[in-house]
Amino acid sequence: MGSIEIGVALALAAALITNLASLLKHRGCQRVPLVEIRRPLSSVRELARSRWFAAGWALAAVAWLVHVAALSMAPISLVQAVLAGGAVTLAVMSQRLFGDRIERQQWLALILGGAGLALLAVTVPHFGSSHSEFAVGAILGFEGGLALVAVALALGHRSDRLAARRGILLASLAGVLFALAGVAIKGLTGAGGASIAVVIPWVGLIILCGGLAQYTAVAALQRGGAIETIGLMGLVANATQIAGGLVVFGDPISTNPLGIVLQGTAFAMVCLSALLLPSRIMRAPAVPALAAQSA
């Protein structure tokens, strides 16, 4: 078994562990007060007291290590497509393990999104290496563009006109931040000759994006349902990192007409799945645990 095959196997394991970890964190987030960025230590303490969240976070840490190992052995677009292809397991776990209700359009959304991203992977030419090489201008431009998108989503979340969509905006923002960190991690695996002066701020960027992504993900999980929130975060993060593989790391794309049509279809499937993920059932705002106790 070659390194790429091992990387794909690791990506599949990461997908399963990540989905279970996200469901555990969602359950834990629903039982603590809403996180506040102005009170980071207090928010962390409340989350740590939740056994559900603590278990989910521990599993997420394992999944992250497995994900990094997969990125070091296989192209980022292939790894993320495998992760996305495991999206259906999210609904199965949510329904079987936690008894959550999965709406029909959400099943369809997860199937469409996972199949679309998987189709992108199978229609590209054969991968011959881990594709970790990149041009400095390409990665700076791509990461800078993602940073601008993240700022736009953050500003939109604070807008009163978009108050009804804050959960969706937060989930999308978390996905973009996870993608920012993921592309940076992939680049770091191919920057073996970089000086310490470059590596230190690079690692700092990964830690900053990862920390902000975790905070935003918790805020999104507290305000939305498991499937729509976790599914949208994964969809945005995976699709963005696949784009990063093509733009930054030179992952190959199809050059024949049939392949181009299939890839266009895959992209349309991903876009449609994002529209179908939000629940049609109005959810009551999350009630902070402390407020509930004092009522």
C-alpha atoms as a PDB file:
ATOM      1  CA  MET A   1       0.000   0.000   0.000  1.00  0.00           C
ATOM      2  CA  GLY A   2       1.452   3.360  -1.081  1.00  0.00           C
ATOM      3  CA  SER A   3       1.509   6.590   0.876  1.00  0.00           C
ATOM      4  CA  ILE A   4      -1.505   8.014  -0.980  1.00  0.00           C
ATOM      5  CA  GLU A   5      -3.617   4.955  -0.176  1.00  0.00           C
ATOM      6  CA  ILE A   6      -2.588   5.189   3.481  1.00  0.00           C
ATOM      7  CA  GLY A   7      -3.478   8.890   3.448  1.00  0.00           C
ATOM      8  CA  VAL A   8      -6.935   8.109   2.055  1.00  0.00           C
ATOM      9  CA  ALA A   9      -7.490   5.448   4.725  1.00  0.00           C
ATOM     10  CA  LEU A  10      -6.455   7.932   7.411  1.00  0.00           C
ATOM     11  CA  ALA A  11      -8.832  10.532   5.936  1.00  0.00           C
ATOM     12  CA  LEU A  12     -11.710   8.059   6.148  1.00  0.00           C
ATOM     13  CA  ALA A  13     -10.885   7.342   9.787  1.00  0.00           C
ATOM     14  CA  ALA A  14     -10.663  11.084  10.465  1.00  0.00           C
ATOM     15  CA  ALA A  15     -14.102  11.605   8.903  1.00  0.00           C
ATOM     16  CA  LEU A  16     -15.760   9.051  11.180  1.00  0.00           C
ATOM     17  CA  ILE A  17     -14.022  10.314  14.329  1.00  0.00           C
ATOM     18  CA  THR A  18     -14.721  13.961  13.459  1.00  0.00           C
ATOM     19  CA  ASN A  19     -18.431  13.348  12.934  1.00  0.00           C
ATOM     20  CA  LEU A  20     -18.805  11.558  16.254  1.00  0.00           C
ATOM     21  CA  ALA A  21     -16.756  14.227  18.025  1.00  0.00           C
ATOM     22  CA  SER A  22     -18.891  16.999  16.528  1.00  0.00           C
ATOM     23  CA  LEU A  23     -22.118  15.338  17.685  1.00  0.00           C
ATOM     24  CA  LEU A  24     -20.757  14.952  21.217  1.00  0.00           C
ATOM     25  CA  LYS A  25     -19.659  18.602  21.252  1.00  0.00           C
ATOM     26  CA  HIS A  26     -23.060  19.708  19.973  1.00  0.00           C
ATOM     27  CA  ARG A  27     -24.802  17.918  22.817  1.00  0.00           C
ATOM     28  CA  GLY A  28     -22.381  19.401  25.328  1.00  0.00           C
ATOM     29  CA  CYS A  29     -22.711  22.923  23.902  1.00  0.00           C
ATOM     30  CA  GLN A  30     -26.473  22.812  24.367  1.00  0.00           C
ATOM     31  CA  ARG A  31     -26.017  22.325  28.113  1.00  0.00           C
ATOM     32  CA  VAL A  32     -23.782  25.285  28.969  1.00  0.00           C
ATOM     33  CA  PRO A  33     -24.198  29.086  28.866  1.00  0.00           C
ATOM     34  CA  LEU A  34     -23.590  30.776  25.516  1.00  0.00           C
ATOM     35  CA  VAL A  35     -19.890  31.375  24.925  1.00  0.00           C
ATOM     36  CA  GLU A  36     -18.693  34.983  24.922  1.00  0.00           C
ATOM     37  CA  ILE A  37     -15.456  36.088  23.284  1.00  0.00           C
ATOM     38  CA  ARG A  38     -15.138  38.796  25.944  1.00  0.00           C
ATOM     39  CA  ARG A  39     -15.122  36.102  28.655  1.00  0.00           C
ATOM     40  CA  PRO A  40     -12.878  33.405  27.141  1.00  0.00           C
ATOM     41  CA  LEU A  41     -11.677  31.788  30.370  1.00  0.00           C
ATOM     42  CA  SER A  42     -15.164  31.601  31.862  1.00  0.00           C
ATOM     43  CA  SER A  43     -16.537  30.147  28.642  1.00  0.00           C
ATOM     44  CA  VAL A  44     -13.770  27.526  28.511  1.00  0.00           C
ATOM     45  CA  ARG A  45     -14.425  26.532  32.134  1.00  0.00           C
ATOM     46  CA  GLU A  46     -18.139  26.058  31.479  1.00  0.00           C
ATOM     47  CA  LEU A  47     -17.416  23.937  28.408  1.00  0.00           C
ATOM     48  CA  ALA A  48     -14.834  21.852  30.272  1.00  0.00           C
ATOM     49  CA  ARG A  49     -17.415  21.001  32.926  1.00  0.00           C
ATOM     50  CA  SER A  50     -19.608  19.347  30.322  1.00  0.00           C
ATOM     51  CA  ARG A  51     -18.649  15.694  30.002  1.00  0.00           C
ATOM     52  CA  TRP A  52     -20.249  15.530  26.568  1.00  0.00           C
ATOM     53  CA  PHE A  53     -18.157  18.420  25.279  1.00  0.00           C
ATOM     54  CA  ALA A  54     -14.964  17.193  26.962  1.00  0.00           C
ATOM     55  CA  ALA A  55     -15.380  13.771  25.341  1.00  0.00           C
ATOM     56  CA  GLY A  56     -16.088  15.386  21.981  1.00  0.00           C
ATOM     57  CA  TRP A  57     -13.082  17.674  22.249  1.00  0.00           C
ATOM     58  CA  ALA A  58     -10.782  14.753  23.104  1.00  0.00           C
ATOM     59  CA  LEU A  59     -12.051  12.818  20.087  1.00  0.00           C
ATOM     60  CA  ALA A  60     -11.681  15.927  17.917  1.00  0.00           C
ATOM     61  CA  ALA A  61      -8.030  16.211  18.977  1.00  0.00           C
ATOM     62  CA  VAL A  62      -7.445  12.622  17.868  1.00  0.00           C
ATOM     63  CA  ALA A  63      -9.249  13.309  14.583  1.00  0.00           C
ATOM     64  CA  TRP A  64      -7.080  16.392  13.998  1.00  0.00           C
ATOM     65  CA  LEU A  65      -3.873  14.381  14.433  1.00  0.00           C
ATOM     66  CA  VAL A  66      -5.159  11.731  12.030  1.00  0.00           C
ATOM     67  CA  HIS A  67      -6.159  14.489   9.583  1.00  0.00           C
ATOM     68  CA  VAL A  68      -2.682  16.057   9.703  1.00  0.00           C
ATOM     69  CA  ALA A  69      -1.131  12.650   9.061  1.00  0.00           C
ATOM     70  CA  ALA A  70      -3.446  12.186   6.062  1.00  0.00           C
ATOM     71  CA  LEU A  71      -2.497  15.622   4.676  1.00  0.00           C
ATOM     72  CA  SER A  72       1.191  14.738   4.903  1.00  0.00           C
ATOM     73  CA  MET A  73       0.687  11.597   2.790  1.00  0.00           C
ATOM     74  CA  ALA A  74      -1.993  12.490   0.216  1.00  0.00           C
ATOM     75  CA  PRO A  75      -3.096  15.547  -1.817  1.00  0.00           C
ATOM     76  CA  ILE A  76      -5.313  17.948   0.133  1.00  0.00           C
ATOM     77  CA  SER A  77      -8.146  17.851  -2.410  1.00  0.00           C
ATOM     78  CA  LEU A  78      -8.285  14.048  -2.210  1.00  0.00           C
ATOM     79  CA  VAL A  79      -8.158  14.033   1.596  1.00  0.00           C
ATOM     80  CA  GLN A  80     -10.954  16.597   1.890  1.00  0.00           C
ATOM     81  CA  ALA A  81     -13.092  14.803  -0.696  1.00  0.00           C
ATOM     82  CA  VAL A  82     -12.848  11.618   1.382  1.00  0.00           C
ATOM     83  CA  LEU A  83     -13.777  13.580   4.503  1.00  0.00           C
ATOM     84  CA  ALA A  84     -16.767  15.078   2.700  1.00  0.00           C
ATOM     85  CA  GLY A  85     -17.802  11.693   1.370  1.00  0.00           C
ATOM     86  CA  GLY A  86     -18.222  10.538   4.958  1.00  0.00           C
ATOM     87  CA  ALA A  87     -20.864  13.217   5.599  1.00  0.00           C
ATOM     88  CA  VAL A  88     -23.709  10.703   5.394  1.00  0.00           C
ATOM     89  CA  THR A  89     -22.315   8.964   8.481  1.00  0.00           C
ATOM     90  CA  LEU A  90     -23.067  12.181  10.365  1.00  0.00           C
ATOM     91  CA  ALA A  91     -26.804  11.717   9.861  1.00  0.00           C
ATOM     92  CA  VAL A  92     -26.625   7.983  10.629  1.00  0.00           C
ATOM     93  CA  MET A  93     -24.748   8.591  13.906  1.00  0.00           C
ATOM     94  CA  SER A  94     -27.020  11.475  14.880  1.00  0.00           C
ATOM     95  CA  GLN A  95     -30.146   9.408  14.330  1.00  0.00           C
ATOM     96  CA  ARG A  96     -28.956   6.069  15.698  1.00  0.00           C
ATOM     97  CA  LEU A  97     -26.861   7.210  18.661  1.00  0.00           C
ATOM     98  CA  PHE A  98     -28.718  10.326  19.801  1.00  0.00           C
ATOM     99  CA  GLY A  99     -32.213   9.855  18.397  1.00  0.00           C
ATOM    100  CA  ASP A 100     -32.145  13.156  16.498  1.00  0.00           C
ATOM    101  CA  ARG A 101     -34.725  13.819  13.824  1.00  0.00           C
ATOM    102  CA  ILE A 102     -33.205  14.156  10.355  1.00  0.00           C
ATOM    103  CA  GLU A 103     -35.378  15.941   7.819  1.00  0.00           C
ATOM    104  CA  ARG A 104     -35.689  14.575   4.295  1.00  0.00           C
ATOM    105  CA  GLN A 105     -34.022  17.547   2.655  1.00  0.00           C
ATOM    106  CA  GLN A 106     -31.113  17.248   5.109  1.00  0.00           C
ATOM    107  CA  TRP A 107     -30.564  13.611   4.124  1.00  0.00           C
ATOM    108  CA  LEU A 108     -30.611  14.751   0.507  1.00  0.00           C
ATOM    109  CA  ALA A 109     -28.229  17.628   1.272  1.00  0.00           C
ATOM    110  CA  LEU A 110     -25.666  15.386   2.940  1.00  0.00           C
ATOM    111  CA  ILE A 111     -25.848  12.827   0.155  1.00  0.00           C
ATOM    112  CA  LEU A 112     -25.578  15.498  -2.549  1.00  0.00           C
ATOM    113  CA  GLY A 113     -22.708  17.320  -0.860  1.00  0.00           C
ATOM    114  CA  GLY A 114     -20.711  14.193  -0.110  1.00  0.00           C
ATOM    115  CA  ALA A 115     -21.327  12.718  -3.566  1.00  0.00           C
ATOM    116  CA  GLY A 116     -20.480  16.015  -5.260  1.00  0.00           C
ATOM    117  CA  LEU A 117     -17.164  16.419  -3.503  1.00  0.00           C
ATOM    118  CA  ALA A 118     -16.341  12.741  -3.991  1.00  0.00           C
ATOM    119  CA  LEU A 119     -17.137  13.144  -7.704  1.00  0.00           C
ATOM    120  CA  LEU A 120     -14.628  15.977  -7.859  1.00  0.00           C
ATOM    121  CA  ALA A 121     -11.974  13.612  -6.535  1.00  0.00           C
ATOM    122  CA  VAL A 122     -12.659  10.709  -8.909  1.00  0.00           C
ATOM    123  CA  THR A 123     -12.760  12.920 -12.020  1.00  0.00           C
ATOM    124  CA  VAL A 124      -9.296  14.410 -11.561  1.00  0.00           C
ATOM    125  CA  PRO A 125      -6.267  12.810 -13.240  1.00  0.00           C
ATOM    126  CA  HIS A 126      -4.162  10.276 -11.352  1.00  0.00           C
ATOM    127  CA  PHE A 127      -2.284  11.601  -8.327  1.00  0.00           C
ATOM    128  CA  GLY A 128       1.400  10.756  -8.315  1.00  0.00           C
ATOM    129  CA  SER A 129       2.508  12.371  -5.042  1.00  0.00           C
ATOM    130  CA  SER A 130       1.258  14.150  -1.947  1.00  0.00           C
ATOM    131  CA  HIS A 131       1.294  17.487  -3.842  1.00  0.00           C
ATOM    132  CA  SER A 132       2.777  19.543  -1.013  1.00  0.00           C
ATOM    133  CA  GLU A 133       4.752  21.944  -3.221  1.00  0.00           C
ATOM    134  CA  PHE A 134       3.406  25.456  -3.705  1.00  0.00           C
ATOM    135  CA  ALA A 135       4.266  28.981  -4.837  1.00  0.00           C
ATOM    136  CA  VAL A 136       4.499  31.582  -2.089  1.00  0.00           C
ATOM    137  CA  GLY A 137       2.322  34.033  -4.040  1.00  0.00           C
ATOM    138  CA  ALA A 138      -0.372  31.401  -4.556  1.00  0.00           C
ATOM    139  CA  ILE A 139      -0.711  30.438  -0.903  1.00  0.00           C
ATOM    140  CA  LEU A 140      -0.561  34.057   0.297  1.00  0.00           C
ATOM    141  CA  GLY A 141      -3.217  35.102  -2.214  1.00  0.00           C
ATOM    142  CA  PHE A 142      -5.504  32.175  -1.393  1.00  0.00           C
ATOM    143  CA  GLU A 143      -5.170  32.535   2.386  1.00  0.00           C
ATOM    144  CA  GLY A 144      -5.604  36.309   2.090  1.00  0.00           C
ATOM    145  CA  GLY A 145      -8.799  35.812   0.095  1.00  0.00           C
ATOM    146  CA  LEU A 146     -10.137  33.415   2.729  1.00  0.00           C
ATOM    147  CA  ALA A 147      -9.304  35.951   5.441  1.00  0.00           C
ATOM    148  CA  LEU A 148     -11.391  38.571   3.612  1.00  0.00           C
ATOM    149  CA  VAL A 149     -14.291  36.121   3.321  1.00  0.00           C
ATOM    150  CA  ALA A 150     -13.993  35.393   7.045  1.00  0.00           C
ATOM    151  CA  VAL A 151     -14.121  39.115   7.868  1.00  0.00           C
ATOM    152  CA  ALA A 152     -17.203  39.546   5.639  1.00  0.00           C
ATOM    153  CA  LEU A 153     -18.985  36.653   7.361  1.00  0.00           C
ATOM    154  CA  ALA A 154     -18.067  38.013  10.798  1.00  0.00           C
ATOM    155  CA  LEU A 155     -19.460  41.442   9.900  1.00  0.00           C
ATOM    156  CA  GLY A 156     -22.594  39.832   8.456  1.00  0.00           C
ATOM    157  CA  HIS A 157     -23.104  37.919  11.696  1.00  0.00           C
ATOM    158  CA  ARG A 158     -23.140  41.213  13.602  1.00  0.00           C
ATOM    159  CA  SER A 159     -25.663  42.787  11.233  1.00  0.00           C
ATOM    160  CA  ASP A 160     -29.212  43.156  12.566  1.00  0.00           C
ATOM    161  CA  ARG A 161     -30.614  42.574   9.067  1.00  0.00           C
ATOM    162  CA  LEU A 162     -29.124  39.074   9.064  1.00  0.00           C
ATOM    163  CA  ALA A 163     -30.070  38.202  12.645  1.00  0.00           C
ATOM    164  CA  ALA A 164     -32.222  35.260  11.528  1.00  0.00           C
ATOM    165  CA  ARG A 165     -29.231  33.781   9.671  1.00  0.00           C
ATOM    166  CA  ARG A 166     -26.632  34.144  12.398  1.00  0.00           C
ATOM    167  CA  GLY A 167     -26.346  30.401  13.016  1.00  0.00           C
ATOM    168  CA  ILE A 168     -25.730  29.741   9.321  1.00  0.00           C
ATOM    169  CA  LEU A 169     -23.227  32.592   9.083  1.00  0.00           C
ATOM    170  CA  LEU A 170     -21.350  31.330  12.148  1.00  0.00           C
ATOM    171  CA  ALA A 171     -21.198  27.786  10.742  1.00  0.00           C
ATOM    172  CA  SER A 172     -19.901  29.124   7.416  1.00  0.00           C
ATOM    173  CA  LEU A 173     -17.347  31.294   9.220  1.00  0.00           C
ATOM    174  CA  ALA A 174     -16.120  28.306  11.233  1.00  0.00           C
ATOM    175  CA  GLY A 175     -15.751  26.320   8.006  1.00  0.00           C
ATOM    176  CA  VAL A 176     -13.682  29.092   6.399  1.00  0.00           C
ATOM    177  CA  LEU A 177     -11.440  29.350   9.472  1.00  0.00           C
ATOM    178  CA  PHE A 178     -10.920  25.585   9.536  1.00  0.00           C
ATOM    179  CA  ALA A 179      -9.985  25.803   5.839  1.00  0.00           C
ATOM    180  CA  LEU A 180      -7.523  28.610   6.555  1.00  0.00           C
ATOM    181  CA  ALA A 181      -5.791  26.424   9.125  1.00  0.00           C
ATOM    182  CA  GLY A 182      -5.981  23.313   6.917  1.00  0.00           C
ATOM    183  CA  VAL A 183      -4.335  24.946   3.895  1.00  0.00           C
ATOM    184  CA  ALA A 184      -1.632  26.385   6.163  1.00  0.00           C
ATOM    185  CA  ILE A 185      -0.991  22.937   7.669  1.00  0.00           C
ATOM    186  CA  LYS A 186      -0.733  21.372   4.207  1.00  0.00           C
ATOM    187  CA  GLY A 187       1.705  24.090   3.182  1.00  0.00           C
ATOM    188  CA  LEU A 188       3.792  23.514   6.289  1.00  0.00           C
ATOM    189  CA  THR A 189       4.210  19.824   5.375  1.00  0.00           C
ATOM    190  CA  GLY A 190       5.830  20.931   2.103  1.00  0.00           C
ATOM    191  CA  ALA A 191       8.009  23.692   3.536  1.00  0.00           C
ATOM    192  CA  GLY A 192      10.838  21.502   4.743  1.00  0.00           C
ATOM    193  CA  GLY A 193      13.546  24.035   3.896  1.00  0.00           C
ATOM    194  CA  ALA A 194      11.859  27.034   5.499  1.00  0.00           C
ATOM    195  CA  SER A 195      13.790  28.997   8.120  1.00  0.00           C
ATOM    196  CA  ILE A 196      12.734  29.198  11.740  1.00  0.00           C
ATOM    197  CA  ALA A 197      11.789  32.854  11.183  1.00  0.00           C
ATOM    198  CA  VAL A 198       9.148  31.664   8.700  1.00  0.00           C
ATOM    199  CA  VAL A 199       8.003  28.541  10.543  1.00  0.00           C
ATOM    200  CA  ILE A 200       7.235  30.283  13.872  1.00  0.00           C
ATOM    201  CA  PRO A 201       4.716  32.829  12.488  1.00  0.00           C
ATOM    202  CA  TRP A 202       3.352  30.095  10.213  1.00  0.00           C
ATOM    203  CA  VAL A 203       2.609  27.884  13.199  1.00  0.00           C
ATOM    204  CA  GLY A 204       1.220  30.937  15.003  1.00  0.00           C
ATOM    205  CA  LEU A 205      -1.209  31.517  12.123  1.00  0.00           C
ATOM    206  CA  ILE A 206      -2.370  27.899  12.310  1.00  0.00           C
ATOM    207  CA  ILE A 207      -2.930  28.158  16.070  1.00  0.00           C
ATOM    208  CA  LEU A 208      -4.774  31.487  15.733  1.00  0.00           C
ATOM    209  CA  CYS A 209      -7.065  30.256  12.949  1.00  0.00           C
ATOM    210  CA  GLY A 210      -7.642  26.966  14.743  1.00  0.00           C
ATOM    211  CA  GLY A 211      -8.540  28.711  17.999  1.00  0.00           C
ATOM    212  CA  LEU A 212     -10.923  31.146  16.300  1.00  0.00           C
ATOM    213  CA  ALA A 213     -12.457  28.254  14.353  1.00  0.00           C
ATOM    214  CA  GLN A 214     -13.080  26.306  17.547  1.00  0.00           C
ATOM    215  CA  TYR A 215     -14.710  29.299  19.257  1.00  0.00           C
ATOM    216  CA  THR A 216     -16.878  30.046  16.223  1.00  0.00           C
ATOM    217  CA  ALA A 217     -17.831  26.391  15.881  1.00  0.00           C
ATOM    218  CA  VAL A 218     -18.991  26.266  19.514  1.00  0.00           C
ATOM    219  CA  ALA A 219     -21.018  29.469  19.040  1.00  0.00           C
ATOM    220  CA  ALA A 220     -22.620  27.971  15.915  1.00  0.00           C
ATOM    221  CA  LEU A 221     -23.353  24.650  17.629  1.00  0.00           C
ATOM    222  CA  GLN A 222     -25.136  26.480  20.454  1.00  0.00           C
ATOM    223  CA  ARG A 223     -27.408  28.279  18.013  1.00  0.00           C
ATOM    224  CA  GLY A 224     -28.276  25.607  15.462  1.00  0.00           C
ATOM    225  CA  GLY A 225     -29.229  21.985  14.973  1.00  0.00           C
ATOM    226  CA  ALA A 226     -26.552  19.307  14.765  1.00  0.00           C
ATOM    227  CA  ILE A 227     -27.019  18.344  11.123  1.00  0.00           C
ATOM    228  CA  GLU A 228     -27.322  21.811   9.622  1.00  0.00           C
ATOM    229  CA  THR A 229     -24.467  23.258  11.691  1.00  0.00           C
ATOM    230  CA  ILE A 230     -21.968  20.394  11.530  1.00  0.00           C
ATOM    231  CA  GLY A 231     -22.880  19.608   7.931  1.00  0.00           C
ATOM    232  CA  LEU A 232     -22.460  23.207   6.762  1.00  0.00           C
ATOM    233  CA  MET A 233     -19.164  23.645   8.591  1.00  0.00           C
ATOM    234  CA  GLY A 234     -17.819  20.472   7.005  1.00  0.00           C
ATOM    235  CA  LEU A 235     -19.132  21.366   3.560  1.00  0.00           C
ATOM    236  CA  VAL A 236     -17.553  24.832   3.567  1.00  0.00           C
ATOM    237  CA  ALA A 237     -14.262  23.616   5.038  1.00  0.00           C
ATOM    238  CA  ASN A 238     -13.920  20.652   2.668  1.00  0.00           C
ATOM    239  CA  ALA A 239     -14.976  22.486  -0.497  1.00  0.00           C
ATOM    240  CA  THR A 240     -12.649  25.392   0.283  1.00  0.00           C
ATOM    241  CA  GLN A 241      -9.679  23.127   0.940  1.00  0.00           C
ATOM    242  CA  ILE A 242     -10.340  21.216  -2.275  1.00  0.00           C
ATOM    243  CA  ALA A 243     -10.204  24.574  -4.059  1.00  0.00           C
ATOM    244  CA  GLY A 244      -6.965  25.260  -2.202  1.00  0.00           C
ATOM    245  CA  GLY A 245      -5.550  21.989  -3.475  1.00  0.00           C
ATOM    246  CA  LEU A 246      -6.275  23.037  -7.058  1.00  0.00           C
ATOM    247  CA  VAL A 247      -5.171  26.677  -6.769  1.00  0.00           C
ATOM    248  CA  VAL A 248      -2.263  26.487  -4.326  1.00  0.00           C
ATOM    249  CA  PHE A 249      -0.811  23.004  -4.564  1.00  0.00           C
ATOM    250  CA  GLY A 250      -1.461  22.285  -8.221  1.00  0.00           C
ATOM    251  CA  ASP A 251      -3.705  19.256  -7.777  1.00  0.00           C
ATOM    252  CA  PRO A 252      -4.648  18.179 -11.308  1.00  0.00           C
ATOM    253  CA  ILE A 253      -8.027  18.924 -12.904  1.00  0.00           C
ATOM    254  CA  SER A 254      -9.731  17.175 -15.787  1.00  0.00           C
ATOM    255  CA  THR A 255      -8.787  18.263 -19.307  1.00  0.00           C
ATOM    256  CA  ASN A 256     -11.364  16.308 -21.336  1.00  0.00           C
ATOM    257  CA  PRO A 257     -14.940  17.531 -22.028  1.00  0.00           C
ATOM    258  CA  LEU A 258     -16.648  14.730 -20.112  1.00  0.00           C
ATOM    259  CA  GLY A 259     -14.495  15.339 -17.047  1.00  0.00           C
ATOM    260  CA  ILE A 260     -15.195  19.070 -17.160  1.00  0.00           C
ATOM    261  CA  VAL A 261     -18.962  18.425 -17.352  1.00  0.00           C
ATOM    262  CA  LEU A 262     -18.790  16.005 -14.433  1.00  0.00           C
ATOM    263  CA  GLN A 263     -16.804  18.452 -12.338  1.00  0.00           C
ATOM    264  CA  GLY A 264     -19.292  21.225 -13.135  1.00  0.00           C
ATOM    265  CA  THR A 265     -22.085  18.883 -12.062  1.00  0.00           C
ATOM    266  CA  ALA A 266     -20.229  18.091  -8.854  1.00  0.00           C
ATOM    267  CA  PHE A 267     -19.869  21.788  -8.069  1.00  0.00           C
ATOM    268  CA  ALA A 268     -23.609  22.319  -8.658  1.00  0.00           C
ATOM    269  CA  MET A 269     -24.387  19.402  -6.316  1.00  0.00           C
ATOM    270  CA  VAL A 270     -22.280  20.980  -3.580  1.00  0.00           C
ATOM    271  CA  CYS A 271     -24.009  24.371  -3.976  1.00  0.00           C
ATOM    272  CA  LEU A 272     -27.451  22.755  -3.875  1.00  0.00           C
ATOM    273  CA  SER A 273     -26.583  20.756  -0.775  1.00  0.00           C
ATOM    274  CA  ALA A 274     -25.622  23.977   1.043  1.00  0.00           C
ATOM    275  CA  LEU A 275     -29.076  25.387   0.283  1.00  0.00           C
ATOM    276  CA  LEU A 276     -30.839  22.256   1.553  1.00  0.00           C
ATOM    277  CA  LEU A 277     -28.933  21.815   4.828  1.00  0.00           C
ATOM    278  CA  PRO A 278     -30.701  24.437   7.003  1.00  0.00           C
ATOM    279  CA  SER A 279     -33.644  22.976   8.884  1.00  0.00           C
ATOM    280  CA  ARG A 280     -37.161  24.034   7.941  1.00  0.00           C
ATOM    281  CA  ILE A 281     -38.245  23.646  11.549  1.00  0.00           C
ATOM    282  CA  MET A 282     -37.948  26.823  13.582  1.00  0.00           C
ATOM    283  CA  ARG A 283     -35.718  26.220  16.591  1.00  0.00           C
ATOM    284  CA  ALA A 284     -36.093  28.053  19.866  1.00  0.00           C
ATOM    285  CA  PRO A 285     -32.971  29.996  20.848  1.00  0.00           C
ATOM    286  CA  ALA A 286     -30.568  28.065  23.037  1.00  0.00           C
ATOM    287  CA  VAL A 287     -31.201  28.725  26.731  1.00  0.00           C
ATOM    288  CA  PRO A 288     -28.033  29.164  28.785  1.00  0.00           C
ATOM    289  CA  ALA A 289     -27.776  26.524  31.459  1.00  0.00           C
ATOM    290  CA  LEU A 290     -27.228  29.016  34.262  1.00  0.00           C
ATOM    291  CA  ALA A 291     -30.249  31.058  33.221  1.00  0.00           C
ATOM    292  CA  ALA A 292     -32.380  27.935  33.150  1.00  0.00           C
ATOM    293  CA  GLN A 293     -31.286  27.024  36.649  1.00  0.00           C
ATOM    294  CA  SER A 294     -32.052  30.475  38.004  1.00  0.00           C
ATOM    295  CA  ALA A 295     -35.509  30.671  36.367  1.00  0.00           C
END
